[in-house]
All heavy atoms as atom14 arrays in JSON, in Angstrom:
{
  "sequence": "LETELFRDFAKEAPISMVAVDEAHCISQWGQDFRPSYTRILDFLEFL",
  "atom14_mask": [
    [1, 1, 1, 1, 1, 1, 1, 1, 0, 0, 0, 0, 0, 0],
    [1, 1, 1, 1, 1, 1, 1, 1, 1, 0, 0, 0, 0, 0],
    [1, 1, 1, 1, 1, 1, 1, 0, 0, 0, 0, 0, 0, 0],
    [1, 1, 1, 1, 1, 1, 1, 1, 1, 0, 0, 0, 0, 0],
    [1, 1, 1, 1, 1, 1, 1, 1, 0, 0, 0, 0, 0, 0],
    [1, 1, 1, 1, 1, 1, 1, 1, 1, 1, 1, 0, 0, 0],
    [1, 1, 1, 1, 1, 1, 1, 1, 1, 1, 1, 0, 0, 0],
    [1, 1, 1, 1, 1, 1, 1, 1, 0, 0, 0, 0, 0, 0],
    [1, 1, 1, 1, 1, 1, 1, 1, 1, 1, 1, 0, 0, 0],
    [1, 1, 1, 1, 1, 0, 0, 0, 0, 0, 0, 0, 0, 0],
    [1, 1, 1, 1, 1, 1, 1, 1, 1, 0, 0, 0, 0, 0],
    [1, 1, 1, 1, 1, 1, 1, 1, 1, 0, 0, 0, 0, 0],
    [1, 1, 1, 1, 1, 0, 0, 0, 0, 0, 0, 0, 0, 0],
    [1, 1, 1, 1, 1, 1, 1, 0, 0, 0, 0, 0, 0, 0],
    [1, 1, 1, 1, 1, 1, 1, 1, 0, 0, 0, 0, 0, 0],
    [1, 1, 1, 1, 1, 1, 0, 0, 0, 0, 0, 0, 0, 0],
    [1, 1, 1, 1, 1, 1, 1, 1, 0, 0, 0, 0, 0, 0],
    [1, 1, 1, 1, 1, 1, 1, 0, 0, 0, 0, 0, 0, 0],
    [1, 1, 1, 1, 1, 0, 0, 0, 0, 0, 0, 0, 0, 0],
    [1, 1, 1, 1, 1, 1, 1, 0, 0, 0, 0, 0, 0, 0],
    [1, 1, 1, 1, 1, 1, 1, 1, 0, 0, 0, 0, 0, 0],
    [1, 1, 1, 1, 1, 1, 1, 1, 1, 0, 0, 0, 0, 0],
    [1, 1, 1, 1, 1, 0, 0, 0, 0, 0, 0, 0, 0, 0],
    [1, 1, 1, 1, 1, 1, 1, 1, 1, 1, 0, 0, 0, 0],
    [1, 1, 1, 1, 1, 1, 0, 0, 0, 0, 0, 0, 0, 0],
    [1, 1, 1, 1, 1, 1, 1, 1, 0, 0, 0, 0, 0, 0],
    [1, 1, 1, 1, 1, 1, 0, 0, 0, 0, 0, 0, 0, 0],
    [1, 1, 1, 1, 1, 1, 1, 1, 1, 0, 0, 0, 0, 0],
    [1, 1, 1, 1, 1, 1, 1, 1, 1, 1, 1, 1, 1, 1],
    [1, 1, 1, 1, 0, 0, 0, 0, 0, 0, 0, 0, 0, 0],
    [1, 1, 1, 1, 1, 1, 1, 1, 1, 0, 0, 0, 0, 0],
    [1, 1, 1, 1, 1, 1, 1, 1, 0, 0, 0, 0, 0, 0],
    [1, 1, 1, 1, 1, 1, 1, 1, 1, 1, 1, 0, 0, 0],
    [1, 1, 1, 1, 1, 1, 1, 1, 1, 1, 1, 0, 0, 0],
    [1, 1, 1, 1, 1, 1, 1, 0, 0, 0, 0, 0, 0, 0],
    [1, 1, 1, 1, 1, 1, 0, 0, 0, 0, 0, 0, 0, 0],
    [1, 1, 1, 1, 1, 1, 1, 1, 1, 1, 1, 1, 0, 0],
    [1, 1, 1, 1, 1, 1, 1, 0, 0, 0, 0, 0, 0, 0],
    [1, 1, 1, 1, 1, 1, 1, 1, 1, 1, 1, 0, 0, 0],
    [1, 1, 1, 1, 1, 1, 1, 1, 0, 0, 0, 0, 0, 0],
    [1, 1, 1, 1, 1, 1, 1, 1, 0, 0, 0, 0, 0, 0],
    [1, 1, 1, 1, 1, 1, 1, 1, 0, 0, 0, 0, 0, 0],
    [1, 1, 1, 1, 1, 1, 1, 1, 1, 1, 1, 0, 0, 0],
    [1, 1, 1, 1, 1, 1, 1, 1, 0, 0, 0, 0, 0, 0],
    [1, 1, 1, 1, 1, 1, 1, 1, 1, 0, 0, 0, 0, 0],
    [1, 1, 1, 1, 1, 1, 1, 1, 1, 1, 1, 0, 0, 0],
    [1, 1, 1, 1, 1, 1, 1, 1, 0, 0, 0, 0, 0, 0]
  ],
  "atom14_positions": [
    [[-1.58, 2.22, -5.68], [-2.6, 1.48, -4.91], [-3.89, 2.28, -4.78], [-4.95, 1.69, -4.47], [-2.04, 1.18, -3.49], [-0.76, 0.41, -3.41], [-0.34, 0.21, -1.96], [-0.84, -0.94, -4.12], [0.0, 0.0, 0.0], [0.0, 0.0, 0.0], [0.0, 0.0, 0.0], [0.0, 0.0, 0.0], [0.0, 0.0, 0.0], [0.0, 0.0, 0.0]],
    [[-3.82, 3.59, -4.95], [-4.99, 4.45, -4.76], [-5.8, 4.62, -6.03], [-6.93, 5.16, -5.94], [-4.56, 5.81, -4.27], [-3.75, 5.77, -2.96], [-3.12, 7.12, -2.59], [-3.91, 8.1, -2.54], [-1.87, 7.2, -2.45], [0.0, 0.0, 0.0], [0.0, 0.0, 0.0], [0.0, 0.0, 0.0], [0.0, 0.0, 0.0], [0.0, 0.0, 0.0]],
    [[-5.34, 4.18, -7.14], [-6.05, 4.39, -8.43], [-7.2, 3.36, -8.58], [-7.07, 2.22, -8.15], [-5.09, 4.29, -9.63], [-4.6, 2.96, -9.76], [-3.9, 5.22, -9.5], [0.0, 0.0, 0.0], [0.0, 0.0, 0.0], [0.0, 0.0, 0.0], [0.0, 0.0, 0.0], [0.0, 0.0, 0.0], [0.0, 0.0, 0.0], [0.0, 0.0, 0.0]],
    [[-8.23, 3.85, -9.26], [-9.41, 2.99, -9.42], [-9.11, 1.75, -10.29], [-9.55, 0.65, -10.0], [-10.54, 3.81, -10.07], [-11.87, 3.06, -10.21], [-12.94, 3.93, -10.78], [-12.74, 5.14, -10.88], [-14.03, 3.35, -11.08], [0.0, 0.0, 0.0], [0.0, 0.0, 0.0], [0.0, 0.0, 0.0], [0.0, 0.0, 0.0], [0.0, 0.0, 0.0]],
    [[-8.31, 1.94, -11.34], [-7.95, 0.82, -12.19], [-7.22, -0.29, -11.46], [-7.52, -1.45, -11.6], [-7.11, 1.32, -13.37], [-7.86, 1.97, -14.52], [-6.9, 2.53, -15.55], [-8.77, 0.94, -15.2], [0.0, 0.0, 0.0], [0.0, 0.0, 0.0], [0.0, 0.0, 0.0], [0.0, 0.0, 0.0], [0.0, 0.0, 0.0], [0.0, 0.0, 0.0]],
    [[-6.24, 0.14, -10.62], [-5.49, -0.88, -9.93], [-6.38, -1.56, -8.84], [-6.25, -2.76, -8.62], [-4.25, -0.28, -9.28], [-3.31, -1.33, -8.73], [-2.4, -2.02, -9.53], [-3.36, -1.72, -7.37], [-1.56, -2.98, -9.07], [-2.53, -2.67, -6.91], [-1.63, -3.34, -7.76], [0.0, 0.0, 0.0], [0.0, 0.0, 0.0], [0.0, 0.0, 0.0]],
    [[-7.26, -0.81, -8.24], [-8.11, -1.39, -7.22], [-9.09, -2.4, -7.84], [-9.41, -3.41, -7.22], [-8.86, -0.29, -6.47], [-7.89, 0.47, -5.53], [-8.61, 1.12, -4.39], [-7.69, 1.63, -3.36], [-8.03, 1.91, -2.14], [-9.3, 1.8, -1.79], [-7.13, 2.31, -1.29], [0.0, 0.0, 0.0], [0.0, 0.0, 0.0], [0.0, 0.0, 0.0]],
    [[-9.57, -2.07, -9.04], [-10.41, -3.03, -9.75], [-9.67, -4.36, -10.01], [-10.23, -5.45, -9.84], [-10.89, -2.44, -11.09], [-11.89, -1.34, -10.88], [-12.53, -1.26, -9.76], [-12.16, -0.56, -11.85], [0.0, 0.0, 0.0], [0.0, 0.0, 0.0], [0.0, 0.0, 0.0], [0.0, 0.0, 0.0], [0.0, 0.0, 0.0], [0.0, 0.0, 0.0]],
    [[-8.43, -4.24, -10.38], [-7.58, -5.39, -10.58], [-7.4, -6.15, -9.26], [-7.54, -7.39, -9.2], [-6.24, -5.01, -11.15], [-5.14, -5.96, -10.89], [-4.99, -7.14, -11.64], [-4.15, -5.76, -9.87], [-3.98, -8.05, -11.38], [-3.16, -6.64, -9.64], [-3.07, -7.83, -10.38], [0.0, 0.0, 0.0], [0.0, 0.0, 0.0], [0.0, 0.0, 0.0]],
    [[-7.11, -5.42, -8.19], [-6.8, -6.04, -6.92], [-8.0, -6.8, -6.33], [-7.81, -7.82, -5.6], [-6.3, -5.0, -5.91], [0.0, 0.0, 0.0], [0.0, 0.0, 0.0], [0.0, 0.0, 0.0], [0.0, 0.0, 0.0], [0.0, 0.0, 0.0], [0.0, 0.0, 0.0], [0.0, 0.0, 0.0], [0.0, 0.0, 0.0], [0.0, 0.0, 0.0]],
    [[-9.22, -6.35, -6.63], [-10.41, -7.05, -6.16], [-10.56, -8.45, -6.77], [-11.09, -9.34, -6.11], [-11.65, -6.19, -6.51], [-11.95, -5.1, -5.54], [-13.33, -4.54, -5.7], [-13.58, -3.94, -7.05], [-14.88, -3.23, -7.12], [0.0, 0.0, 0.0], [0.0, 0.0, 0.0], [0.0, 0.0, 0.0], [0.0, 0.0, 0.0], [0.0, 0.0, 0.0]],
    [[-10.04, -8.58, -7.98], [-10.17, -9.86, -8.66], [-8.97, -10.77, -8.54], [-9.05, -11.95, -8.67], [-10.46, -9.58, -10.14], [-11.66, -8.72, -10.43], [-11.69, -8.3, -11.87], [-10.8, -8.7, -12.6], [-12.64, -7.52, -12.26], [0.0, 0.0, 0.0], [0.0, 0.0, 0.0], [0.0, 0.0, 0.0], [0.0, 0.0, 0.0], [0.0, 0.0, 0.0]],
    [[-7.82, -10.16, -8.32], [-6.51, -10.91, -8.39], [-6.37, -11.77, -7.13], [-6.74, -11.38, -6.04], [-5.35, -9.96, -8.52], [0.0, 0.0, 0.0], [0.0, 0.0, 0.0], [0.0, 0.0, 0.0], [0.0, 0.0, 0.0], [0.0, 0.0, 0.0], [0.0, 0.0, 0.0], [0.0, 0.0, 0.0], [0.0, 0.0, 0.0], [0.0, 0.0, 0.0]],
    [[-5.77, -12.96, -7.29], [-5.5, -13.82, -6.13], [-4.22, -13.39, -5.42], [-3.14, -13.99, -5.54], [-5.34, -15.18, -6.81], [-4.76, -14.91, -8.16], [-5.38, -13.59, -8.57], [0.0, 0.0, 0.0], [0.0, 0.0, 0.0], [0.0, 0.0, 0.0], [0.0, 0.0, 0.0], [0.0, 0.0, 0.0], [0.0, 0.0, 0.0], [0.0, 0.0, 0.0]],
    [[-4.32, -12.35, -4.58], [-3.16, -11.77, -3.87], [-2.95, -12.56, -2.59], [-3.82, -12.5, -1.67], [-3.34, -10.27, -3.59], [-3.55, -9.51, -4.92], [-2.15, -9.74, -2.82], [-3.93, -8.06, -4.72], [0.0, 0.0, 0.0], [0.0, 0.0, 0.0], [0.0, 0.0, 0.0], [0.0, 0.0, 0.0], [0.0, 0.0, 0.0], [0.0, 0.0, 0.0]],
    [[-1.87, -13.28, -2.52], [-1.61, -14.09, -1.29], [-0.71, -13.37, -0.3], [-0.7, -13.73, 0.89], [-1.0, -15.4, -1.71], [0.18, -15.2, -2.47], [0.0, 0.0, 0.0], [0.0, 0.0, 0.0], [0.0, 0.0, 0.0], [0.0, 0.0, 0.0], [0.0, 0.0, 0.0], [0.0, 0.0, 0.0], [0.0, 0.0, 0.0], [0.0, 0.0, 0.0]],
    [[0.09, -12.41, -0.78], [0.98, -11.74, 0.15], [1.26, -10.31, -0.35], [1.28, -10.08, -1.55], [2.32, -12.48, 0.26], [3.36, -11.81, 1.18], [4.81, -12.86, 1.53], [5.59, -12.95, -0.1], [0.0, 0.0, 0.0], [0.0, 0.0, 0.0], [0.0, 0.0, 0.0], [0.0, 0.0, 0.0], [0.0, 0.0, 0.0], [0.0, 0.0, 0.0]],
    [[1.41, -9.39, 0.58], [1.83, -8.01, 0.29], [3.13, -7.81, 1.02], [3.21, -7.9, 2.25], [0.8, -6.96, 0.67], [1.4, -5.58, 0.53], [-0.44, -7.1, -0.16], [0.0, 0.0, 0.0], [0.0, 0.0, 0.0], [0.0, 0.0, 0.0], [0.0, 0.0, 0.0], [0.0, 0.0, 0.0], [0.0, 0.0, 0.0], [0.0, 0.0, 0.0]],
    [[4.22, -7.45, 0.31], [5.53, -7.17, 0.88], [5.75, -5.7, 0.75], [5.76, -5.13, -0.34], [6.6, -8.0, 0.2], [0.0, 0.0, 0.0], [0.0, 0.0, 0.0], [0.0, 0.0, 0.0], [0.0, 0.0, 0.0], [0.0, 0.0, 0.0], [0.0, 0.0, 0.0], [0.0, 0.0, 0.0], [0.0, 0.0, 0.0], [0.0, 0.0, 0.0]],
    [[6.06, -5.04, 1.87], [6.3, -3.6, 1.91], [7.82, -3.43, 2.02], [8.39, -3.64, 3.09], [5.59, -2.91, 3.07], [5.84, -1.39, 3.02], [4.09, -3.23, 3.01], [0.0, 0.0, 0.0], [0.0, 0.0, 0.0], [0.0, 0.0, 0.0], [0.0, 0.0, 0.0], [0.0, 0.0, 0.0], [0.0, 0.0, 0.0], [0.0, 0.0, 0.0]],
    [[8.46, -3.1, 0.91], [9.9, -2.91, 0.9], [10.17, -1.47, 1.32], [9.39, -0.56, 1.12], [10.46, -3.17, -0.51], [11.9, -3.5, -0.49], [12.47, -3.7, 0.6], [12.49, -3.6, -1.58], [0.0, 0.0, 0.0], [0.0, 0.0, 0.0], [0.0, 0.0, 0.0], [0.0, 0.0, 0.0], [0.0, 0.0, 0.0], [0.0, 0.0, 0.0]],
    [[11.39, -1.26, 1.92], [11.77, 0.05, 2.45], [10.69, 0.59, 3.37], [10.22, 1.75, 3.25], [12.07, 1.06, 1.32], [13.06, 0.53, 0.25], [14.45, 0.25, 0.85], [14.75, 0.8, 1.94], [15.19, -0.54, 0.25], [0.0, 0.0, 0.0], [0.0, 0.0, 0.0], [0.0, 0.0, 0.0], [0.0, 0.0, 0.0], [0.0, 0.0, 0.0]],
    [[10.28, -0.22, 4.31], [9.08, 0.09, 5.15], [9.28, 1.29, 6.05], [8.29, 1.85, 6.53], [8.74, -1.14, 6.0], [0.0, 0.0, 0.0], [0.0, 0.0, 0.0], [0.0, 0.0, 0.0], [0.0, 0.0, 0.0], [0.0, 0.0, 0.0], [0.0, 0.0, 0.0], [0.0, 0.0, 0.0], [0.0, 0.0, 0.0], [0.0, 0.0, 0.0]],
    [[10.55, 1.75, 6.21], [10.73, 2.99, 7.04], [10.07, 4.18, 6.39], [9.84, 5.2, 7.08], [12.22, 3.24, 7.25], [12.96, 3.47, 5.95], [13.52, 2.4, 5.24], [13.24, 4.58, 5.26], [14.12, 2.93, 4.17], [13.93, 4.22, 4.15], [0.0, 0.0, 0.0], [0.0, 0.0, 0.0], [0.0, 0.0, 0.0], [0.0, 0.0, 0.0]],
    [[9.79, 4.08, 5.08], [9.14, 5.23, 4.4], [7.74, 5.5, 4.9], [7.15, 6.52, 4.64], [9.06, 4.94, 2.9], [10.64, 4.82, 2.05], [0.0, 0.0, 0.0], [0.0, 0.0, 0.0], [0.0, 0.0, 0.0], [0.0, 0.0, 0.0], [0.0, 0.0, 0.0], [0.0, 0.0, 0.0], [0.0, 0.0, 0.0], [0.0, 0.0, 0.0]],
    [[7.13, 4.56, 5.68], [5.82, 4.75, 6.23], [5.78, 5.62, 7.49], [4.74, 6.09, 7.87], [5.15, 3.36, 6.55], [3.63, 3.46, 6.48], [5.58, 2.84, 7.89], [2.92, 2.16, 6.58], [0.0, 0.0, 0.0], [0.0, 0.0, 0.0], [0.0, 0.0, 0.0], [0.0, 0.0, 0.0], [0.0, 0.0, 0.0], [0.0, 0.0, 0.0]],
    [[6.92, 5.85, 8.02], [7.01, 6.57, 9.32], [7.46, 8.0, 9.12], [8.48, 8.29, 8.46], [7.99, 5.85, 10.25], [8.23, 6.62, 11.44], [0.0, 0.0, 0.0], [0.0, 0.0, 0.0], [0.0, 0.0, 0.0], [0.0, 0.0, 0.0], [0.0, 0.0, 0.0], [0.0, 0.0, 0.0], [0.0, 0.0, 0.0], [0.0, 0.0, 0.0]],
    [[6.75, 8.9, 9.74], [7.19, 10.32, 9.69], [8.48, 10.55, 10.44], [9.12, 11.57, 10.29], [6.09, 11.24, 10.29], [5.86, 11.01, 11.77], [4.77, 11.97, 12.31], [4.37, 12.89, 11.61], [4.35, 11.78, 13.51], [0.0, 0.0, 0.0], [0.0, 0.0, 0.0], [0.0, 0.0, 0.0], [0.0, 0.0, 0.0], [0.0, 0.0, 0.0]],
    [[8.85, 9.53, 11.28], [10.11, 9.65, 11.98], [11.27, 8.99, 11.19], [12.39, 9.03, 11.61], [10.01, 8.99, 13.34], [8.82, 9.4, 14.12], [7.72, 8.64, 14.44], [8.5, 10.73, 14.63], [6.78, 9.36, 15.13], [7.23, 10.65, 15.27], [9.2, 11.91, 14.61], [6.67, 11.75, 15.85], [8.59, 13.03, 15.23], [7.32, 12.92, 15.86]],
    [[10.92, 8.41, 10.08], [11.94, 7.77, 9.23], [12.65, 8.74, 8.37], [12.25, 9.91, 8.2], [0.0, 0.0, 0.0], [0.0, 0.0, 0.0], [0.0, 0.0, 0.0], [0.0, 0.0, 0.0], [0.0, 0.0, 0.0], [0.0, 0.0, 0.0], [0.0, 0.0, 0.0], [0.0, 0.0, 0.0], [0.0, 0.0, 0.0], [0.0, 0.0, 0.0]],
    [[13.76, 8.29, 7.73], [14.59, 9.21, 6.93], [14.05, 9.5, 5.53], [14.46, 10.44, 4.93], [16.04, 8.72, 6.85], [16.23, 7.46, 6.0], [16.1, 6.18, 6.79], [15.4, 6.09, 7.72], [16.82, 5.15, 6.33], [0.0, 0.0, 0.0], [0.0, 0.0, 0.0], [0.0, 0.0, 0.0], [0.0, 0.0, 0.0], [0.0, 0.0, 0.0]],
    [[13.14, 8.67, 5.03], [12.61, 8.84, 3.68], [11.1, 8.8, 3.69], [10.46, 8.07, 2.9], [13.15, 7.71, 2.77], [14.67, 7.8, 2.62], [15.18, 8.88, 2.31], [15.3, 6.77, 2.86], [0.0, 0.0, 0.0], [0.0, 0.0, 0.0], [0.0, 0.0, 0.0], [0.0, 0.0, 0.0], [0.0, 0.0, 0.0], [0.0, 0.0, 0.0]],
    [[10.48, 9.59, 4.56], [9.03, 9.49, 4.73], [8.27, 9.77, 3.41], [8.57, 10.72, 2.71], [8.62, 10.53, 5.77], [7.07, 10.64, 5.95], [6.34, 9.5, 6.25], [6.44, 11.83, 5.77], [4.97, 9.6, 6.39], [5.08, 11.96, 5.92], [4.32, 10.8, 6.24], [0.0, 0.0, 0.0], [0.0, 0.0, 0.0], [0.0, 0.0, 0.0]],
    [[7.37, 8.83, 3.06], [6.54, 8.98, 1.87], [5.08, 8.95, 2.27], [4.59, 7.9, 2.74], [6.82, 7.82, 0.87], [8.18, 7.89, 0.21], [8.15, 8.74, -1.07], [7.34, 8.12, -2.12], [7.82, 7.34, -3.0], [9.11, 7.04, -3.05], [7.06, 6.88, -3.99], [0.0, 0.0, 0.0], [0.0, 0.0, 0.0], [0.0, 0.0, 0.0]],
    [[4.32, 10.05, 2.14], [2.93, 10.06, 2.56], [2.1, 8.94, 1.96], [1.16, 8.43, 2.54], [2.45, 11.44, 2.11], [3.65, 12.31, 2.1], [4.82, 11.38, 1.64], [0.0, 0.0, 0.0], [0.0, 0.0, 0.0], [0.0, 0.0, 0.0], [0.0, 0.0, 0.0], [0.0, 0.0, 0.0], [0.0, 0.0, 0.0], [0.0, 0.0, 0.0]],
    [[2.44, 8.58, 0.74], [1.66, 7.51, 0.03], [1.77, 6.19, 0.75], [0.87, 5.35, 0.62], [2.17, 7.33, -1.44], [3.57, 7.15, -1.44], [0.0, 0.0, 0.0], [0.0, 0.0, 0.0], [0.0, 0.0, 0.0], [0.0, 0.0, 0.0], [0.0, 0.0, 0.0], [0.0, 0.0, 0.0], [0.0, 0.0, 0.0], [0.0, 0.0, 0.0]],
    [[2.87, 5.98, 1.49], [3.05, 4.74, 2.24], [2.02, 4.62, 3.39], [1.62, 3.54, 3.8], [4.43, 4.66, 2.84], [5.4, 3.8, 2.04], [5.8, 4.19, 0.76], [5.95, 2.63, 2.53], [6.66, 3.41, 0.0], [6.85, 1.86, 1.79], [7.2, 2.29, 0.55], [8.07, 1.52, -0.19], [0.0, 0.0, 0.0], [0.0, 0.0, 0.0]],
    [[1.57, 5.74, 3.9], [0.63, 5.75, 5.03], [-0.73, 5.22, 4.56], [-1.58, 4.9, 5.44], [0.47, 7.13, 5.64], [-0.05, 8.04, 4.67], [1.82, 7.66, 6.15], [0.0, 0.0, 0.0], [0.0, 0.0, 0.0], [0.0, 0.0, 0.0], [0.0, 0.0, 0.0], [0.0, 0.0, 0.0], [0.0, 0.0, 0.0], [0.0, 0.0, 0.0]],
    [[-1.0, 5.17, 3.29], [-2.28, 4.72, 2.79], [-2.26, 3.26, 2.35], [-3.25, 2.79, 1.78], [-2.67, 5.63, 1.61], [-2.99, 7.1, 2.09], [-3.5, 7.95, 1.01], [-2.52, 8.45, 0.07], [-1.74, 9.51, 0.3], [-1.82, 10.18, 1.44], [-0.8, 9.91, -0.59], [0.0, 0.0, 0.0], [0.0, 0.0, 0.0], [0.0, 0.0, 0.0]],
    [[-1.19, 2.57, 2.66], [-1.12, 1.13, 2.38], [-2.18, 0.4, 3.17], [-2.81, -0.55, 2.7], [0.3, 0.58, 2.65], [1.28, 1.15, 1.67], [0.28, -0.96, 2.56], [2.73, 0.78, 1.94], [0.0, 0.0, 0.0], [0.0, 0.0, 0.0], [0.0, 0.0, 0.0], [0.0, 0.0, 0.0], [0.0, 0.0, 0.0], [0.0, 0.0, 0.0]],
    [[-2.34, 0.77, 4.45], [-3.33, 0.11, 5.32], [-4.74, 0.21, 4.71], [-5.52, -0.74, 4.73], [-3.31, 0.74, 6.69], [-4.33, 0.14, 7.7], [-4.1, -1.34, 7.9], [-4.28, 0.88, 9.01], [0.0, 0.0, 0.0], [0.0, 0.0, 0.0], [0.0, 0.0, 0.0], [0.0, 0.0, 0.0], [0.0, 0.0, 0.0], [0.0, 0.0, 0.0]],
    [[-5.06, 1.39, 4.14], [-6.35, 1.57, 3.55], [-6.51, 0.56, 2.37], [-7.65, 0.01, 2.16], [-6.51, 3.0, 3.0], [-7.84, 3.23, 2.29], [-8.85, 3.09, 2.96], [-7.8, 3.54, 1.09], [0.0, 0.0, 0.0], [0.0, 0.0, 0.0], [0.0, 0.0, 0.0], [0.0, 0.0, 0.0], [0.0, 0.0, 0.0], [0.0, 0.0, 0.0]],
    [[-5.48, 0.31, 1.61], [-5.53, -0.61, 0.53], [-5.76, -2.05, 1.03], [-6.55, -2.81, 0.48], [-4.25, -0.52, -0.29], [-4.1, -1.6, -1.35], [-4.79, -1.5, -2.55], [-3.29, -2.69, -1.16], [-4.71, -2.51, -3.51], [-3.16, -3.7, -2.14], [-3.9, -3.58, -3.32], [0.0, 0.0, 0.0], [0.0, 0.0, 0.0], [0.0, 0.0, 0.0]],
    [[-5.05, -2.38, 2.11], [-5.2, -3.72, 2.67], [-6.6, -3.95, 3.15], [-7.18, -5.03, 3.03], [-4.18, -3.9, 3.86], [-2.72, -3.92, 3.49], [-1.87, -3.96, 4.74], [-2.38, -5.16, 2.63], [0.0, 0.0, 0.0], [0.0, 0.0, 0.0], [0.0, 0.0, 0.0], [0.0, 0.0, 0.0], [0.0, 0.0, 0.0], [0.0, 0.0, 0.0]],
    [[-7.21, -2.91, 3.75], [-8.6, -3.04, 4.25], [-9.59, -3.09, 3.09], [-10.67, -3.61, 3.27], [-8.9, -1.84, 5.16], [-8.11, -1.91, 6.48], [-8.3, -0.68, 7.33], [-8.77, 0.38, 6.76], [-8.02, -0.73, 8.55], [0.0, 0.0, 0.0], [0.0, 0.0, 0.0], [0.0, 0.0, 0.0], [0.0, 0.0, 0.0], [0.0, 0.0, 0.0]],
    [[-9.22, -2.53, 1.96], [-10.1, -2.56, 0.79], [-10.18, -3.96, 0.19], [-11.21, -4.34, -0.39], [-9.56, -1.58, -0.26], [-10.09, -1.78, -1.62], [-11.34, -1.25, -2.01], [-9.36, -2.46, -2.6], [-11.81, -1.51, -3.27], [-9.82, -2.64, -3.88], [-11.06, -2.15, -4.23], [0.0, 0.0, 0.0], [0.0, 0.0, 0.0], [0.0, 0.0, 0.0]],
    [[-9.14, -4.8, 0.29], [-9.1, -6.06, -0.36], [-10.18, -7.01, 0.21], [-10.47, -6.94, 1.4], [-7.73, -6.72, -0.17], [-6.53, -6.0, -0.83], [-5.24, -6.64, -0.48], [-6.71, -5.95, -2.39], [0.0, 0.0, 0.0], [0.0, 0.0, 0.0], [0.0, 0.0, 0.0], [0.0, 0.0, 0.0], [0.0, 0.0, 0.0], [0.0, 0.0, 0.0]]
  ]
}
């Protein structure tokens, strides 16, 4: 989601829904914390 190529695609694509699977990865209190998940909000705001 952070790459320029994918963001160029996302600006043009008709994205109607974003589904975040294994959403516990976004939380530092979760068992599988992934820092990249914390930047999903930035992607949503970019659209």
